[in-house]
Amino acid sequence: MALGRVLARMPATFPLPIVVVQHMPSGFTRPFAERLNAQSRLEIAEARSGMQLRPGLAIIASAGRQLRLFRSRAGVEVSLEDDTAGSVHVPSFDVMASEVAGVYGGASVGVVMTGMGQDGLVGLRLIHDRGGFVVGQDAASCVVYGMPRAAADAGLVDAVVPLEEISGYLCELTRSVLPNE
């Protein structure tokens, strides 16, 4: 799976928190996060309300809830909420990426990988417009070149990167070191 291949190569010392939306049914995101955690140097967990984002942590948005972020005295925290907007996807990449743009502004990095549809366009536009950086998976390495194509066609992608190079590219972008395999 594409996401697992990217996260497995990331260093435990990656300097940014990672927030992931994967369109999955309820009951699947916790075991998915546990499986990814067992294969990764990063700590990977299913998102919980009140969880603090921090470098070296990747959180997987919980199925059936929208993932929101807010600043507290302790840092940036997660809030899981019911979807009141009638979104097609819950969790939604658009909602999550919009939250990232709102909290981190120009320091945001958005990555759009293989998947169907256009979920993410609104949030990635916010990241892009606020001076953040957007990476899109290239067509040749996608199983489904829907979401990355929509972002690229909208002019939101700053770099197009093959799947096997996304981890290294993110490390280069953040001046961190990709671990030896």
N, C-alpha and C. Protein backbone atom coordinates (compact mmCIF):
# COMPACT_ATOMS: atom_id res chain seq x y z
N MET A 1 0.84 -1.17 0.00
CA MET A 1 0.00 0.00 0.00
C MET A 1 0.89 1.24 0.00
N ALA A 2 0.48 2.24 -0.77
CA ALA A 2 1.29 3.44 -1.00
C ALA A 2 1.64 4.18 0.29
N LEU A 3 0.66 4.44 1.13
CA LEU A 3 0.90 5.19 2.36
C LEU A 3 1.89 4.46 3.26
N GLY A 4 1.73 3.16 3.39
CA GLY A 4 2.65 2.36 4.21
C GLY A 4 4.08 2.45 3.71
N ARG A 5 4.26 2.47 2.41
CA ARG A 5 5.61 2.55 1.84
C ARG A 5 6.25 3.90 2.15
N VAL A 6 5.46 4.96 2.13
CA VAL A 6 6.01 6.29 2.45
C VAL A 6 6.33 6.39 3.93
N LEU A 7 5.39 6.04 4.78
CA LEU A 7 5.60 6.19 6.23
C LEU A 7 6.71 5.28 6.75
N ALA A 8 6.86 4.10 6.20
CA ALA A 8 7.88 3.16 6.66
C ALA A 8 9.29 3.70 6.45
N ARG A 9 9.47 4.57 5.49
CA ARG A 9 10.80 5.11 5.19
C ARG A 9 11.12 6.39 5.96
N MET A 10 10.13 6.98 6.62
CA MET A 10 10.35 8.26 7.31
C MET A 10 11.16 8.04 8.59
N PRO A 11 12.03 9.00 8.92
CA PRO A 11 12.82 8.87 10.15
C PRO A 11 11.97 9.16 11.39
N ALA A 12 12.33 8.54 12.49
CA ALA A 12 11.63 8.79 13.77
C ALA A 12 11.78 10.25 14.18
N THR A 13 12.80 10.90 13.68
CA THR A 13 13.08 12.29 14.03
C THR A 13 12.51 13.29 13.03
N PHE A 14 11.56 12.85 12.19
CA PHE A 14 10.99 13.77 11.21
C PHE A 14 10.46 15.00 11.95
N PRO A 15 10.81 16.21 11.50
CA PRO A 15 10.56 17.41 12.30
C PRO A 15 9.12 17.95 12.28
N LEU A 16 8.24 17.34 11.51
CA LEU A 16 6.85 17.80 11.45
C LEU A 16 5.91 16.70 11.91
N PRO A 17 4.80 17.07 12.55
CA PRO A 17 3.76 16.06 12.78
C PRO A 17 3.12 15.72 11.44
N ILE A 18 2.59 14.53 11.34
CA ILE A 18 1.94 14.08 10.10
C ILE A 18 0.50 13.73 10.43
N VAL A 19 -0.42 14.26 9.62
CA VAL A 19 -1.84 13.98 9.78
C VAL A 19 -2.32 13.34 8.48
N VAL A 20 -2.96 12.18 8.59
CA VAL A 20 -3.36 11.40 7.43
C VAL A 20 -4.86 11.20 7.40
N VAL A 21 -5.45 11.41 6.23
CA VAL A 21 -6.83 11.00 5.98
C VAL A 21 -6.79 9.88 4.96
N GLN A 22 -7.37 8.76 5.34
CA GLN A 22 -7.52 7.61 4.45
C GLN A 22 -9.00 7.29 4.46
N HIS A 23 -9.61 7.22 3.30
CA HIS A 23 -11.05 6.92 3.24
C HIS A 23 -11.25 5.44 3.57
N MET A 24 -11.73 5.17 4.78
CA MET A 24 -11.94 3.80 5.26
C MET A 24 -13.23 3.76 6.07
N PRO A 25 -13.87 2.60 6.12
CA PRO A 25 -15.08 2.47 6.95
C PRO A 25 -14.74 2.43 8.44
N SER A 26 -15.74 2.72 9.27
CA SER A 26 -15.57 2.67 10.72
C SER A 26 -15.06 1.30 11.14
N GLY A 27 -14.19 1.31 12.13
CA GLY A 27 -13.63 0.08 12.66
C GLY A 27 -12.33 -0.34 12.00
N PHE A 28 -11.95 0.32 10.91
CA PHE A 28 -10.74 -0.08 10.19
C PHE A 28 -9.54 0.82 10.47
N THR A 29 -9.76 2.04 10.93
CA THR A 29 -8.63 2.97 11.06
C THR A 29 -7.70 2.62 12.23
N ARG A 30 -8.23 2.12 13.32
CA ARG A 30 -7.34 1.75 14.44
C ARG A 30 -6.42 0.60 14.06
N PRO A 31 -6.94 -0.54 13.53
CA PRO A 31 -6.01 -1.60 13.13
C PRO A 31 -5.06 -1.17 12.01
N PHE A 32 -5.55 -0.30 11.14
CA PHE A 32 -4.70 0.23 10.07
C PHE A 32 -3.53 1.01 10.69
N ALA A 33 -3.81 1.89 11.64
CA ALA A 33 -2.76 2.66 12.31
C ALA A 33 -1.80 1.73 13.05
N GLU A 34 -2.33 0.72 13.71
CA GLU A 34 -1.47 -0.22 14.45
C GLU A 34 -0.54 -0.98 13.50
N ARG A 35 -1.07 -1.39 12.35
CA ARG A 35 -0.24 -2.09 11.37
C ARG A 35 0.87 -1.18 10.83
N LEU A 36 0.50 0.07 10.51
CA LEU A 36 1.51 1.02 10.03
C LEU A 36 2.56 1.30 11.11
N ASN A 37 2.12 1.41 12.36
CA ASN A 37 3.04 1.67 13.46
C ASN A 37 4.08 0.56 13.59
N ALA A 38 3.66 -0.68 13.40
CA ALA A 38 4.57 -1.82 13.51
C ALA A 38 5.61 -1.83 12.39
N GLN A 39 5.34 -1.13 11.29
CA GLN A 39 6.24 -1.13 10.14
C GLN A 39 7.05 0.15 10.01
N SER A 40 6.93 1.05 10.97
CA SER A 40 7.49 2.38 10.80
C SER A 40 8.41 2.78 11.95
N ARG A 41 9.32 3.69 11.67
CA ARG A 41 10.16 4.30 12.70
C ARG A 41 9.38 5.39 13.44
N LEU A 42 8.42 6.00 12.75
CA LEU A 42 7.55 7.00 13.36
C LEU A 42 6.61 6.33 14.35
N GLU A 43 6.08 7.10 15.27
CA GLU A 43 4.96 6.61 16.06
C GLU A 43 3.70 6.92 15.25
N ILE A 44 2.88 5.91 15.02
CA ILE A 44 1.66 6.08 14.23
C ILE A 44 0.49 5.60 15.08
N ALA A 45 -0.53 6.44 15.18
CA ALA A 45 -1.69 6.11 16.02
C ALA A 45 -2.95 6.65 15.38
N GLU A 46 -4.08 6.03 15.73
CA GLU A 46 -5.37 6.58 15.33
C GLU A 46 -5.60 7.85 16.13
N ALA A 47 -6.13 8.86 15.49
CA ALA A 47 -6.38 10.15 16.15
C ALA A 47 -7.39 10.00 17.27
N ARG A 48 -7.16 10.76 18.35
CA ARG A 48 -8.09 10.84 19.47
C ARG A 48 -8.26 12.31 19.83
N SER A 49 -9.44 12.70 20.23
CA SER A 49 -9.65 14.08 20.69
C SER A 49 -8.71 14.36 21.85
N GLY A 50 -8.09 15.54 21.82
CA GLY A 50 -7.16 15.94 22.86
C GLY A 50 -5.72 15.55 22.58
N MET A 51 -5.49 14.70 21.60
CA MET A 51 -4.14 14.28 21.24
C MET A 51 -3.35 15.49 20.75
N GLN A 52 -2.12 15.61 21.19
CA GLN A 52 -1.26 16.71 20.75
C GLN A 52 -0.41 16.27 19.57
N LEU A 53 -0.34 17.14 18.57
CA LEU A 53 0.55 16.88 17.44
C LEU A 53 1.98 17.20 17.86
N ARG A 54 2.93 16.41 17.35
CA ARG A 54 4.33 16.66 17.65
C ARG A 54 5.19 16.00 16.58
N PRO A 55 6.41 16.48 16.43
CA PRO A 55 7.32 15.84 15.47
C PRO A 55 7.47 14.34 15.79
N GLY A 56 7.61 13.54 14.75
CA GLY A 56 7.80 12.11 14.92
C GLY A 56 6.51 11.33 15.13
N LEU A 57 5.37 12.01 15.14
CA LEU A 57 4.07 11.36 15.31
C LEU A 57 3.26 11.53 14.03
N ALA A 58 2.69 10.42 13.57
CA ALA A 58 1.75 10.45 12.45
C ALA A 58 0.42 9.94 12.98
N ILE A 59 -0.63 10.70 12.74
CA ILE A 59 -1.95 10.27 13.19
C ILE A 59 -2.83 9.98 11.98
N ILE A 60 -3.65 8.95 12.14
CA ILE A 60 -4.59 8.55 11.11
C ILE A 60 -5.97 9.02 11.56
N ALA A 61 -6.63 9.83 10.75
CA ALA A 61 -7.96 10.33 11.08
C ALA A 61 -8.91 9.17 11.29
N SER A 62 -9.71 9.25 12.32
CA SER A 62 -10.67 8.19 12.65
C SER A 62 -11.81 8.16 11.65
N ALA A 63 -12.17 6.98 11.19
CA ALA A 63 -13.30 6.84 10.27
C ALA A 63 -14.58 7.29 10.96
N GLY A 64 -15.43 7.98 10.20
CA GLY A 64 -16.72 8.41 10.71
C GLY A 64 -16.71 9.71 11.48
N ARG A 65 -15.55 10.37 11.59
CA ARG A 65 -15.44 11.65 12.31
C ARG A 65 -14.60 12.60 11.47
N GLN A 66 -14.88 13.89 11.59
CA GLN A 66 -14.05 14.89 10.93
C GLN A 66 -12.93 15.29 11.89
N LEU A 67 -11.74 15.42 11.36
CA LEU A 67 -10.58 15.77 12.17
C LEU A 67 -10.37 17.27 12.10
N ARG A 68 -10.38 17.90 13.25
CA ARG A 68 -10.15 19.34 13.37
C ARG A 68 -8.91 19.55 14.21
N LEU A 69 -8.29 20.70 14.06
CA LEU A 69 -7.10 21.06 14.83
C LEU A 69 -7.33 22.40 15.50
N PHE A 70 -6.75 22.57 16.67
CA PHE A 70 -6.81 23.87 17.34
C PHE A 70 -5.57 24.07 18.18
N ARG A 71 -5.23 25.33 18.35
CA ARG A 71 -4.09 25.67 19.20
C ARG A 71 -4.56 25.79 20.64
N SER A 72 -3.79 25.20 21.54
CA SER A 72 -4.04 25.32 22.97
C SER A 72 -2.73 25.76 23.62
N ARG A 73 -2.74 25.95 24.90
CA ARG A 73 -1.50 26.30 25.60
C ARG A 73 -0.46 25.21 25.45
N ALA A 74 -0.92 23.97 25.31
CA ALA A 74 -0.02 22.84 25.19
C ALA A 74 0.55 22.67 23.78
N GLY A 75 -0.07 23.28 22.79
CA GLY A 75 0.38 23.13 21.40
C GLY A 75 -0.81 22.97 20.48
N VAL A 76 -0.64 22.20 19.42
CA VAL A 76 -1.73 21.94 18.49
C VAL A 76 -2.37 20.62 18.88
N GLU A 77 -3.69 20.65 19.06
CA GLU A 77 -4.42 19.47 19.49
C GLU A 77 -5.48 19.06 18.47
N VAL A 78 -5.87 17.81 18.57
CA VAL A 78 -6.87 17.21 17.69
C VAL A 78 -8.24 17.26 18.35
N SER A 79 -9.23 17.52 17.54
CA SER A 79 -10.62 17.40 17.97
C SER A 79 -11.34 16.57 16.91
N LEU A 80 -12.00 15.51 17.34
CA LEU A 80 -12.79 14.69 16.42
C LEU A 80 -14.25 15.08 16.58
N GLU A 81 -14.89 15.38 15.46
CA GLU A 81 -16.25 15.90 15.51
C GLU A 81 -17.15 15.16 14.53
N ASP A 82 -18.43 15.15 14.86
CA ASP A 82 -19.41 14.62 13.93
C ASP A 82 -19.44 15.52 12.70
N ASP A 83 -19.77 14.95 11.56
CA ASP A 83 -19.87 15.73 10.33
C ASP A 83 -21.24 16.37 10.25
N THR A 84 -21.28 17.68 10.37
CA THR A 84 -22.55 18.40 10.30
C THR A 84 -22.79 19.03 8.93
N ALA A 85 -21.79 18.96 8.06
CA ALA A 85 -21.89 19.59 6.75
C ALA A 85 -22.40 18.63 5.67
N GLY A 86 -22.57 17.37 6.00
CA GLY A 86 -23.03 16.41 5.01
C GLY A 86 -21.96 16.08 3.98
N SER A 87 -20.71 16.00 4.41
CA SER A 87 -19.60 15.71 3.51
C SER A 87 -19.73 14.33 2.89
N VAL A 88 -19.23 14.18 1.68
CA VAL A 88 -19.23 12.89 1.00
C VAL A 88 -18.28 11.94 1.72
N HIS A 89 -17.13 12.46 2.16
CA HIS A 89 -16.11 11.64 2.83
C HIS A 89 -16.01 12.07 4.29
N VAL A 90 -16.05 11.09 5.18
CA VAL A 90 -15.88 11.35 6.60
C VAL A 90 -14.98 10.26 7.15
N PRO A 91 -13.71 10.58 7.37
CA PRO A 91 -13.11 11.90 7.39
C PRO A 91 -12.84 12.41 5.97
N SER A 92 -12.72 13.71 5.88
CA SER A 92 -12.49 14.38 4.62
C SER A 92 -11.09 14.96 4.57
N PHE A 93 -10.41 14.72 3.47
CA PHE A 93 -9.10 15.32 3.24
C PHE A 93 -9.25 16.84 3.18
N ASP A 94 -10.34 17.33 2.57
CA ASP A 94 -10.59 18.77 2.51
C ASP A 94 -10.66 19.39 3.90
N VAL A 95 -11.42 18.77 4.79
CA VAL A 95 -11.56 19.30 6.14
C VAL A 95 -10.21 19.30 6.85
N MET A 96 -9.52 18.17 6.80
CA MET A 96 -8.22 18.06 7.48
C MET A 96 -7.21 19.05 6.92
N ALA A 97 -7.08 19.14 5.60
CA ALA A 97 -6.09 20.04 4.99
C ALA A 97 -6.45 21.50 5.27
N SER A 98 -7.73 21.82 5.31
CA SER A 98 -8.15 23.17 5.66
C SER A 98 -7.74 23.51 7.09
N GLU A 99 -7.88 22.54 7.98
CA GLU A 99 -7.47 22.73 9.38
C GLU A 99 -5.95 22.94 9.47
N VAL A 100 -5.20 22.14 8.73
CA VAL A 100 -3.73 22.28 8.71
C VAL A 100 -3.36 23.68 8.22
N ALA A 101 -3.97 24.12 7.13
CA ALA A 101 -3.69 25.46 6.59
C ALA A 101 -4.04 26.54 7.60
N GLY A 102 -5.15 26.38 8.31
CA GLY A 102 -5.57 27.37 9.28
C GLY A 102 -4.65 27.46 10.47
N VAL A 103 -4.09 26.34 10.90
CA VAL A 103 -3.22 26.33 12.08
C VAL A 103 -1.77 26.63 11.72
N TYR A 104 -1.28 26.07 10.63
CA TYR A 104 0.15 26.19 10.29
C TYR A 104 0.45 27.19 9.19
N GLY A 105 -0.56 27.64 8.44
CA GLY A 105 -0.35 28.64 7.40
C GLY A 105 0.73 28.26 6.42
N GLY A 106 1.68 29.17 6.21
CA GLY A 106 2.75 28.97 5.24
C GLY A 106 3.73 27.87 5.59
N ALA A 107 3.69 27.36 6.80
CA ALA A 107 4.55 26.26 7.21
C ALA A 107 3.92 24.90 6.90
N SER A 108 2.75 24.90 6.27
CA SER A 108 2.03 23.65 5.95
C SER A 108 2.66 22.95 4.76
N VAL A 109 2.64 21.62 4.81
CA VAL A 109 3.02 20.80 3.67
C VAL A 109 1.87 19.82 3.45
N GLY A 110 1.31 19.82 2.26
CA GLY A 110 0.25 18.89 1.91
C GLY A 110 0.77 17.87 0.92
N VAL A 111 0.38 16.63 1.10
CA VAL A 111 0.78 15.56 0.18
C VAL A 111 -0.49 14.86 -0.28
N VAL A 112 -0.68 14.80 -1.59
CA VAL A 112 -1.85 14.12 -2.14
C VAL A 112 -1.35 12.91 -2.94
N MET A 113 -1.90 11.75 -2.55
CA MET A 113 -1.46 10.49 -3.15
C MET A 113 -2.62 9.79 -3.83
N THR A 114 -2.33 8.67 -4.42
CA THR A 114 -3.28 7.88 -5.19
C THR A 114 -4.66 7.82 -4.55
N GLY A 115 -5.68 7.99 -5.36
CA GLY A 115 -7.06 7.93 -4.87
C GLY A 115 -8.03 8.50 -5.88
N MET A 116 -9.29 8.12 -5.73
CA MET A 116 -10.32 8.58 -6.65
C MET A 116 -10.92 9.89 -6.17
N GLY A 117 -11.37 10.68 -7.11
CA GLY A 117 -12.16 11.86 -6.80
C GLY A 117 -11.34 13.12 -6.61
N GLN A 118 -11.98 14.09 -5.97
CA GLN A 118 -11.37 15.41 -5.82
C GLN A 118 -11.29 15.84 -4.36
N ASP A 119 -11.52 14.92 -3.41
CA ASP A 119 -11.39 15.29 -2.01
C ASP A 119 -9.97 15.80 -1.78
N GLY A 120 -9.86 16.97 -1.23
CA GLY A 120 -8.57 17.59 -0.98
C GLY A 120 -8.37 18.88 -1.72
N LEU A 121 -9.11 19.11 -2.79
CA LEU A 121 -8.90 20.33 -3.58
C LEU A 121 -9.09 21.61 -2.77
N VAL A 122 -10.13 21.68 -1.97
CA VAL A 122 -10.41 22.88 -1.19
C VAL A 122 -9.29 23.10 -0.16
N GLY A 123 -8.94 22.06 0.58
CA GLY A 123 -7.90 22.18 1.60
C GLY A 123 -6.53 22.45 1.02
N LEU A 124 -6.19 21.77 -0.07
CA LEU A 124 -4.90 22.01 -0.70
C LEU A 124 -4.81 23.43 -1.26
N ARG A 125 -5.94 23.96 -1.76
CA ARG A 125 -5.95 25.35 -2.23
C ARG A 125 -5.63 26.29 -1.08
N LEU A 126 -6.18 26.03 0.10
CA LEU A 126 -5.88 26.86 1.27
C LEU A 126 -4.40 26.77 1.64
N ILE A 127 -3.86 25.56 1.66
CA ILE A 127 -2.43 25.40 1.94
C ILE A 127 -1.62 26.19 0.93
N HIS A 128 -1.93 26.00 -0.33
CA HIS A 128 -1.20 26.67 -1.42
C HIS A 128 -1.32 28.20 -1.30
N ASP A 129 -2.54 28.69 -1.11
CA ASP A 129 -2.78 30.14 -1.06
C ASP A 129 -2.16 30.81 0.16
N ARG A 130 -1.94 30.05 1.22
CA ARG A 130 -1.33 30.62 2.43
C ARG A 130 0.18 30.46 2.43
N GLY A 131 0.74 30.02 1.31
CA GLY A 131 2.19 29.94 1.18
C GLY A 131 2.78 28.60 1.56
N GLY A 132 1.94 27.60 1.82
CA GLY A 132 2.44 26.26 2.11
C GLY A 132 2.90 25.57 0.84
N PHE A 133 3.29 24.34 0.95
CA PHE A 133 3.87 23.58 -0.16
C PHE A 133 3.04 22.32 -0.38
N VAL A 134 2.76 21.99 -1.64
CA VAL A 134 1.95 20.82 -1.97
C VAL A 134 2.74 19.87 -2.86
N VAL A 135 2.79 18.61 -2.43
CA VAL A 135 3.45 17.55 -3.18
C VAL A 135 2.36 16.63 -3.72
N GLY A 136 2.47 16.28 -4.99
CA GLY A 136 1.53 15.35 -5.61
C GLY A 136 2.25 14.12 -6.11
N GLN A 137 1.67 12.95 -5.87
CA GLN A 137 2.24 11.72 -6.40
C GLN A 137 2.10 11.72 -7.91
N ASP A 138 3.11 11.22 -8.62
CA ASP A 138 3.07 11.21 -10.08
C ASP A 138 2.11 10.15 -10.61
N ALA A 139 1.65 10.35 -11.83
CA ALA A 139 0.66 9.46 -12.45
C ALA A 139 1.18 8.04 -12.59
N ALA A 140 2.44 7.88 -12.96
CA ALA A 140 2.98 6.54 -13.22
C ALA A 140 2.99 5.65 -11.99
N SER A 141 3.12 6.22 -10.80
CA SER A 141 3.19 5.38 -9.60
C SER A 141 1.86 5.29 -8.85
N CYS A 142 0.83 5.98 -9.35
CA CYS A 142 -0.50 5.92 -8.72
C CYS A 142 -1.28 4.69 -9.19
N VAL A 143 -2.02 4.08 -8.29
CA VAL A 143 -2.97 3.05 -8.69
C VAL A 143 -4.16 3.74 -9.36
N VAL A 144 -4.60 4.86 -8.77
CA VAL A 144 -5.67 5.68 -9.32
C VAL A 144 -5.19 7.13 -9.29
N TYR A 145 -5.03 7.73 -10.45
CA TYR A 145 -4.51 9.10 -10.54
C TYR A 145 -5.66 10.11 -10.55
N GLY A 146 -6.54 10.03 -9.56
CA GLY A 146 -7.68 10.94 -9.49
C GLY A 146 -7.39 12.16 -8.64
N MET A 147 -7.15 11.95 -7.36
CA MET A 147 -6.92 13.07 -6.45
C MET A 147 -5.66 13.86 -6.82
N PRO A 148 -4.53 13.19 -7.10
CA PRO A 148 -3.35 13.97 -7.51
C PRO A 148 -3.57 14.73 -8.83
N ARG A 149 -4.29 14.12 -9.76
CA ARG A 149 -4.56 14.79 -11.03
C ARG A 149 -5.42 16.03 -10.80
N ALA A 150 -6.45 15.92 -9.99
CA ALA A 150 -7.33 17.06 -9.72
C ALA A 150 -6.53 18.21 -9.13
N ALA A 151 -5.63 17.91 -8.19
CA ALA A 151 -4.81 18.96 -7.57
C ALA A 151 -3.83 19.55 -8.59
N ALA A 152 -3.22 18.71 -9.41
CA ALA A 152 -2.28 19.20 -10.42
C ALA A 152 -3.00 20.04 -11.47
N ASP A 153 -4.15 19.57 -11.94
CA ASP A 153 -4.91 20.31 -12.94
C ASP A 153 -5.38 21.67 -12.42
N ALA A 154 -5.57 21.77 -11.11
CA ALA A 154 -5.99 23.04 -10.49
C ALA A 154 -4.81 23.96 -10.22
N GLY A 155 -3.59 23.50 -10.56
CA GLY A 155 -2.40 24.33 -10.36
C GLY A 155 -1.95 24.43 -8.91
N LEU A 156 -2.29 23.44 -8.10
CA LEU A 156 -1.99 23.50 -6.67
C LEU A 156 -0.73 22.74 -6.27
N VAL A 157 -0.18 21.93 -7.18
CA VAL A 157 0.94 21.07 -6.85
C VAL A 157 2.26 21.78 -7.17
N ASP A 158 3.11 21.87 -6.16
CA ASP A 158 4.42 22.51 -6.32
C ASP A 158 5.47 21.52 -6.80
N ALA A 159 5.31 20.24 -6.49
CA ALA A 159 6.27 19.21 -6.92
C ALA A 159 5.51 17.92 -7.18
N VAL A 160 5.83 17.26 -8.29
CA VAL A 160 5.26 15.96 -8.64
C VAL A 160 6.36 14.94 -8.41
N VAL A 161 6.06 13.94 -7.57
CA VAL A 161 7.10 13.03 -7.10
C VAL A 161 6.61 11.58 -7.20
N PRO A 162 7.45 10.65 -7.70
CA PRO A 162 7.07 9.24 -7.71
C PRO A 162 6.92 8.71 -6.28
N LEU A 163 6.07 7.72 -6.09
CA LEU A 163 5.81 7.15 -4.78
C LEU A 163 7.08 6.82 -4.02
N GLU A 164 8.00 6.14 -4.64
CA GLU A 164 9.21 5.68 -3.94
C GLU A 164 10.13 6.83 -3.54
N GLU A 165 9.87 8.03 -4.03
CA GLU A 165 10.73 9.17 -3.69
C GLU A 165 10.05 10.18 -2.76
N ILE A 166 8.79 9.95 -2.39
CA ILE A 166 8.07 10.92 -1.55
C ILE A 166 8.74 11.08 -0.19
N SER A 167 9.12 10.00 0.47
CA SER A 167 9.76 10.10 1.78
C SER A 167 11.04 10.91 1.70
N GLY A 168 11.87 10.60 0.74
CA GLY A 168 13.12 11.33 0.58
C GLY A 168 12.88 12.79 0.25
N TYR A 169 11.88 13.05 -0.56
CA TYR A 169 11.57 14.43 -0.93
C TYR A 169 11.13 15.22 0.30
N LEU A 170 10.28 14.62 1.14
CA LEU A 170 9.82 15.30 2.35
C LEU A 170 10.98 15.55 3.31
N CYS A 171 11.90 14.61 3.38
CA CYS A 171 13.08 14.80 4.23
C CYS A 171 13.95 15.93 3.68
N GLU A 172 14.12 15.96 2.38
CA GLU A 172 14.89 17.03 1.76
C GLU A 172 14.22 18.40 2.00
N LEU A 173 12.92 18.44 1.84
CA LEU A 173 12.15 19.66 2.02
C LEU A 173 12.28 20.21 3.45
N THR A 174 12.35 19.31 4.42
CA THR A 174 12.42 19.72 5.83
C THR A 174 13.84 19.65 6.40
N ARG A 175 14.79 19.40 5.54
CA ARG A 175 16.19 19.29 5.93
C ARG A 175 16.42 18.24 7.01
N SER A 176 15.71 17.13 6.88
CA SER A 176 15.94 16.00 7.78
C SER A 176 16.61 14.89 7.00
N VAL A 177 17.06 13.88 7.70
CA VAL A 177 17.85 12.83 7.08
C VAL A 177 17.01 11.56 6.94
N LEU A 178 16.95 11.05 5.72
CA LEU A 178 16.25 9.80 5.44
C LEU A 178 17.12 8.67 5.99
N PRO A 179 16.58 7.78 6.81
CA PRO A 179 17.39 6.70 7.38
C PRO A 179 17.83 5.71 6.30
N ASN A 180 18.94 5.04 6.57
CA ASN A 180 19.39 3.97 5.67
C ASN A 180 18.42 2.81 5.81
N GLU A 181 18.15 2.16 4.71
CA GLU A 181 17.17 1.04 4.71
C GLU A 181 17.71 -0.13 5.49
